[in-house]
């Protein structure tokens, strides 16, 4: 999904670093606080990267970021960890 290019003259696009810092604080204080997620400004977009334990966590994370950073473009490089039980025994040699 491609987000529209933000209008950097728009008041909400000002102080990007301040807004990203506020997002980091919000993520640390809320239910996602224990996640190893990085939020960085890259050009005209904010990139969120890291690994989360579930698709639900990823969805909450991205929804929170988009709410906090609107109308800036938010790009996701978030991976959902595979934590399912193995379906077969491991063979040791």
N, C-alpha and C. Protein backbone atom coordinates (compact mmCIF):
# COMPACT_ATOMS: atom_id res chain seq x y z
N UNK A 1 0.84 -1.16 0.00
CA UNK A 1 0.00 0.00 0.00
C UNK A 1 0.89 1.22 0.00
N UNK A 2 0.72 2.11 -0.95
CA UNK A 2 1.51 3.32 -1.04
C UNK A 2 0.76 4.48 -0.40
N UNK A 3 1.41 5.12 0.55
CA UNK A 3 0.83 6.30 1.17
C UNK A 3 1.08 7.49 0.26
N UNK A 4 0.19 8.47 0.27
CA UNK A 4 0.43 9.65 -0.55
C UNK A 4 1.66 10.41 -0.06
N UNK A 5 2.29 11.15 -0.94
CA UNK A 5 3.44 11.96 -0.56
C UNK A 5 2.93 13.10 0.31
N UNK A 6 3.50 13.28 1.50
CA UNK A 6 2.99 14.31 2.40
C UNK A 6 3.33 15.71 1.90
N UNK A 7 2.46 16.64 2.25
CA UNK A 7 2.70 18.05 1.98
C UNK A 7 3.50 18.59 3.14
N UNK A 8 4.80 18.80 2.95
CA UNK A 8 5.65 19.22 4.06
C UNK A 8 5.39 20.66 4.48
N UNK A 9 4.53 21.36 3.76
CA UNK A 9 4.11 22.69 4.20
C UNK A 9 2.93 22.60 5.16
N UNK A 10 2.31 21.43 5.24
CA UNK A 10 1.18 21.20 6.13
C UNK A 10 1.68 21.30 7.57
N UNK A 11 0.93 21.97 8.47
CA UNK A 11 1.38 22.11 9.86
C UNK A 11 1.68 20.78 10.56
N UNK A 12 0.93 19.73 10.24
CA UNK A 12 1.15 18.43 10.89
C UNK A 12 2.47 17.79 10.46
N UNK A 13 3.03 18.21 9.34
CA UNK A 13 4.29 17.64 8.86
C UNK A 13 5.50 18.34 9.46
N UNK A 14 5.27 19.43 10.16
CA UNK A 14 6.38 20.15 10.79
C UNK A 14 6.90 19.37 11.99
N UNK A 15 8.12 19.64 12.37
CA UNK A 15 8.73 19.01 13.54
C UNK A 15 8.65 17.49 13.51
N UNK A 16 9.08 16.91 12.40
CA UNK A 16 8.98 15.46 12.23
C UNK A 16 9.73 14.73 13.34
N UNK A 17 10.91 15.18 13.66
CA UNK A 17 11.70 14.50 14.70
C UNK A 17 10.98 14.54 16.05
N UNK A 18 10.35 15.67 16.36
CA UNK A 18 9.59 15.77 17.61
C UNK A 18 8.43 14.78 17.62
N UNK A 19 7.73 14.68 16.50
CA UNK A 19 6.58 13.78 16.40
C UNK A 19 7.02 12.32 16.47
N UNK A 20 8.16 11.99 15.87
CA UNK A 20 8.68 10.62 15.94
C UNK A 20 9.08 10.31 17.38
N UNK A 21 9.70 11.25 18.08
CA UNK A 21 10.07 11.04 19.48
C UNK A 21 8.81 10.81 20.33
N UNK A 22 7.76 11.56 20.05
CA UNK A 22 6.50 11.37 20.78
C UNK A 22 5.92 9.99 20.50
N UNK A 23 5.99 9.53 19.25
CA UNK A 23 5.53 8.18 18.91
C UNK A 23 6.33 7.14 19.67
N UNK A 24 7.65 7.29 19.72
CA UNK A 24 8.49 6.33 20.46
C UNK A 24 8.08 6.26 21.92
N UNK A 25 7.82 7.42 22.53
CA UNK A 25 7.39 7.45 23.93
C UNK A 25 6.04 6.76 24.10
N UNK A 26 5.13 7.03 23.18
CA UNK A 26 3.80 6.42 23.24
C UNK A 26 3.90 4.91 23.11
N UNK A 27 4.70 4.42 22.18
CA UNK A 27 4.86 2.98 22.00
C UNK A 27 5.48 2.34 23.24
N UNK A 28 6.43 3.01 23.87
CA UNK A 28 7.08 2.47 25.06
C UNK A 28 6.12 2.42 26.24
N UNK A 29 5.19 3.37 26.32
CA UNK A 29 4.27 3.45 27.45
C UNK A 29 3.06 2.53 27.30
N UNK A 30 2.69 2.20 26.09
CA UNK A 30 1.50 1.40 25.86
C UNK A 30 1.84 -0.08 25.83
N UNK A 31 0.87 -0.91 25.46
CA UNK A 31 1.03 -2.36 25.50
C UNK A 31 2.16 -2.88 24.64
N UNK A 32 2.65 -2.10 23.70
CA UNK A 32 3.71 -2.55 22.81
C UNK A 32 5.10 -2.20 23.33
N UNK A 33 5.21 -1.74 24.56
CA UNK A 33 6.44 -1.22 25.11
C UNK A 33 7.63 -2.15 25.09
N UNK A 34 7.40 -3.43 25.14
CA UNK A 34 8.50 -4.38 25.20
C UNK A 34 9.06 -4.75 23.84
N UNK A 35 8.49 -4.26 22.79
CA UNK A 35 8.91 -4.66 21.45
C UNK A 35 10.20 -3.98 21.03
N UNK A 36 11.01 -4.71 20.28
CA UNK A 36 12.24 -4.17 19.72
C UNK A 36 11.97 -3.54 18.36
N UNK A 37 11.30 -2.41 18.37
CA UNK A 37 10.90 -1.75 17.14
C UNK A 37 11.66 -0.43 17.02
N UNK A 38 12.11 -0.13 15.80
CA UNK A 38 12.83 1.12 15.54
C UNK A 38 11.98 2.02 14.66
N UNK A 39 12.00 3.30 14.98
CA UNK A 39 11.26 4.29 14.19
C UNK A 39 12.27 5.31 13.70
N UNK A 40 12.40 5.45 12.38
CA UNK A 40 13.39 6.35 11.80
C UNK A 40 12.77 7.20 10.70
N UNK A 41 13.29 8.42 10.55
CA UNK A 41 12.88 9.29 9.45
C UNK A 41 13.83 9.03 8.29
N UNK A 42 13.25 8.75 7.13
CA UNK A 42 14.05 8.53 5.92
C UNK A 42 13.42 9.33 4.79
N UNK A 43 14.03 10.44 4.48
CA UNK A 43 13.50 11.29 3.42
C UNK A 43 12.15 11.85 3.79
N UNK A 44 11.16 11.58 2.96
CA UNK A 44 9.82 12.10 3.17
C UNK A 44 8.92 11.14 3.96
N UNK A 45 9.48 10.03 4.45
CA UNK A 45 8.67 9.02 5.12
C UNK A 45 9.27 8.65 6.47
N UNK A 46 8.45 8.00 7.28
CA UNK A 46 8.89 7.43 8.54
C UNK A 46 8.86 5.91 8.38
N UNK A 47 9.97 5.26 8.71
CA UNK A 47 10.08 3.81 8.55
C UNK A 47 10.04 3.16 9.92
N UNK A 48 9.18 2.17 10.05
CA UNK A 48 9.07 1.42 11.29
C UNK A 48 9.57 0.01 10.98
N UNK A 49 10.57 -0.44 11.75
CA UNK A 49 11.19 -1.74 11.48
C UNK A 49 11.36 -2.50 12.79
N UNK A 50 11.35 -3.81 12.68
CA UNK A 50 11.57 -4.65 13.84
C UNK A 50 10.77 -5.93 13.73
N UNK A 51 10.73 -6.68 14.83
CA UNK A 51 10.02 -7.94 14.88
C UNK A 51 9.01 -7.89 16.00
N UNK A 52 7.81 -8.35 15.72
CA UNK A 52 6.74 -8.40 16.71
C UNK A 52 6.24 -9.84 16.84
N UNK A 53 5.63 -10.19 17.97
CA UNK A 53 5.23 -11.57 18.18
C UNK A 53 3.97 -12.02 17.44
N UNK A 54 3.15 -11.06 16.98
CA UNK A 54 1.90 -11.48 16.33
C UNK A 54 1.45 -10.44 15.30
N UNK A 55 0.57 -10.89 14.41
CA UNK A 55 -0.01 -9.98 13.43
C UNK A 55 -0.83 -8.89 14.13
N UNK A 56 -1.48 -9.23 15.23
CA UNK A 56 -2.25 -8.25 16.00
C UNK A 56 -1.34 -7.14 16.51
N UNK A 57 -0.17 -7.49 17.04
CA UNK A 57 0.78 -6.49 17.51
C UNK A 57 1.23 -5.59 16.36
N UNK A 58 1.51 -6.19 15.22
CA UNK A 58 1.91 -5.40 14.05
C UNK A 58 0.81 -4.42 13.65
N UNK A 59 -0.43 -4.88 13.65
CA UNK A 59 -1.55 -4.03 13.27
C UNK A 59 -1.73 -2.87 14.24
N UNK A 60 -1.64 -3.15 15.54
CA UNK A 60 -1.76 -2.09 16.55
C UNK A 60 -0.62 -1.09 16.40
N UNK A 61 0.58 -1.60 16.20
CA UNK A 61 1.75 -0.74 16.03
C UNK A 61 1.59 0.21 14.85
N UNK A 62 1.21 -0.33 13.70
CA UNK A 62 1.09 0.50 12.50
C UNK A 62 -0.09 1.47 12.59
N UNK A 63 -1.19 1.03 13.19
CA UNK A 63 -2.33 1.93 13.37
C UNK A 63 -1.95 3.10 14.28
N UNK A 64 -1.24 2.81 15.36
CA UNK A 64 -0.79 3.85 16.29
C UNK A 64 0.14 4.82 15.59
N UNK A 65 1.08 4.31 14.81
CA UNK A 65 2.03 5.16 14.09
C UNK A 65 1.31 6.06 13.09
N UNK A 66 0.38 5.50 12.35
CA UNK A 66 -0.33 6.31 11.34
C UNK A 66 -1.19 7.37 12.00
N UNK A 67 -1.79 7.05 13.15
CA UNK A 67 -2.57 8.05 13.88
C UNK A 67 -1.67 9.19 14.36
N UNK A 68 -0.55 8.81 14.93
CA UNK A 68 0.36 9.79 15.53
C UNK A 68 1.05 10.66 14.49
N UNK A 69 1.35 10.11 13.33
CA UNK A 69 2.18 10.82 12.34
C UNK A 69 1.41 11.37 11.14
N UNK A 70 0.10 11.19 11.10
CA UNK A 70 -0.68 11.70 9.97
C UNK A 70 -0.39 13.18 9.74
N UNK A 71 -0.19 13.62 8.52
CA UNK A 71 -0.38 12.99 7.23
C UNK A 71 0.92 12.44 6.65
N UNK A 72 1.96 12.25 7.47
CA UNK A 72 3.22 11.73 6.95
C UNK A 72 3.07 10.29 6.46
N UNK A 73 3.87 9.92 5.47
CA UNK A 73 3.89 8.55 4.97
C UNK A 73 4.59 7.66 5.99
N UNK A 74 3.97 6.53 6.30
CA UNK A 74 4.55 5.56 7.22
C UNK A 74 4.81 4.28 6.43
N UNK A 75 6.05 3.84 6.42
CA UNK A 75 6.46 2.62 5.73
C UNK A 75 6.75 1.55 6.78
N UNK A 76 6.38 0.34 6.48
CA UNK A 76 6.55 -0.75 7.43
C UNK A 76 7.58 -1.76 6.95
N UNK A 77 8.51 -2.08 7.84
CA UNK A 77 9.43 -3.19 7.64
C UNK A 77 9.36 -4.04 8.91
N UNK A 78 8.11 -4.31 9.32
CA UNK A 78 7.85 -5.05 10.55
C UNK A 78 7.60 -6.51 10.20
N UNK A 79 8.30 -7.40 10.88
CA UNK A 79 8.20 -8.84 10.65
C UNK A 79 7.48 -9.48 11.83
N UNK A 80 6.58 -10.41 11.53
CA UNK A 80 5.90 -11.17 12.58
C UNK A 80 6.72 -12.42 12.85
N UNK A 81 7.12 -12.61 14.11
CA UNK A 81 7.92 -13.78 14.50
C UNK A 81 7.09 -15.04 14.39
N UNK A 82 7.72 -16.07 13.92
CA UNK A 82 7.07 -17.38 13.86
C UNK A 82 7.31 -18.05 15.21
N UNK A 83 6.25 -18.16 16.00
CA UNK A 83 6.42 -18.78 17.31
C UNK A 83 5.48 -19.97 17.50
N UNK A 84 5.12 -20.59 16.39
CA UNK A 84 4.27 -21.78 16.46
C UNK A 84 5.10 -22.99 16.90
N UNK A 85 4.44 -23.95 17.47
CA UNK A 85 5.11 -25.19 17.89
C UNK A 85 5.57 -25.95 16.64
N UNK A 86 6.70 -26.65 16.73
CA UNK A 86 7.14 -27.45 15.59
C UNK A 86 6.14 -28.56 15.29
N UNK A 87 6.03 -28.90 14.02
CA UNK A 87 5.08 -29.94 13.64
C UNK A 87 5.72 -31.34 13.55
N UNK A 88 7.03 -31.41 13.84
CA UNK A 88 7.71 -32.70 13.84
C UNK A 88 8.92 -32.64 14.80
N UNK A 89 9.37 -33.82 15.19
CA UNK A 89 10.50 -33.89 16.10
C UNK A 89 11.79 -33.54 15.39
N UNK A 90 12.68 -32.93 16.11
CA UNK A 90 13.99 -32.59 15.55
C UNK A 90 14.90 -33.83 15.61
N UNK A 91 15.55 -34.10 14.52
CA UNK A 91 16.46 -35.24 14.48
C UNK A 91 17.88 -34.77 14.79
N UNK A 92 18.48 -35.41 15.77
CA UNK A 92 19.85 -35.08 16.15
C UNK A 92 20.80 -36.15 15.64
N UNK A 93 21.96 -35.74 15.10
CA UNK A 93 22.88 -36.73 14.61
C UNK A 93 24.05 -36.91 15.53
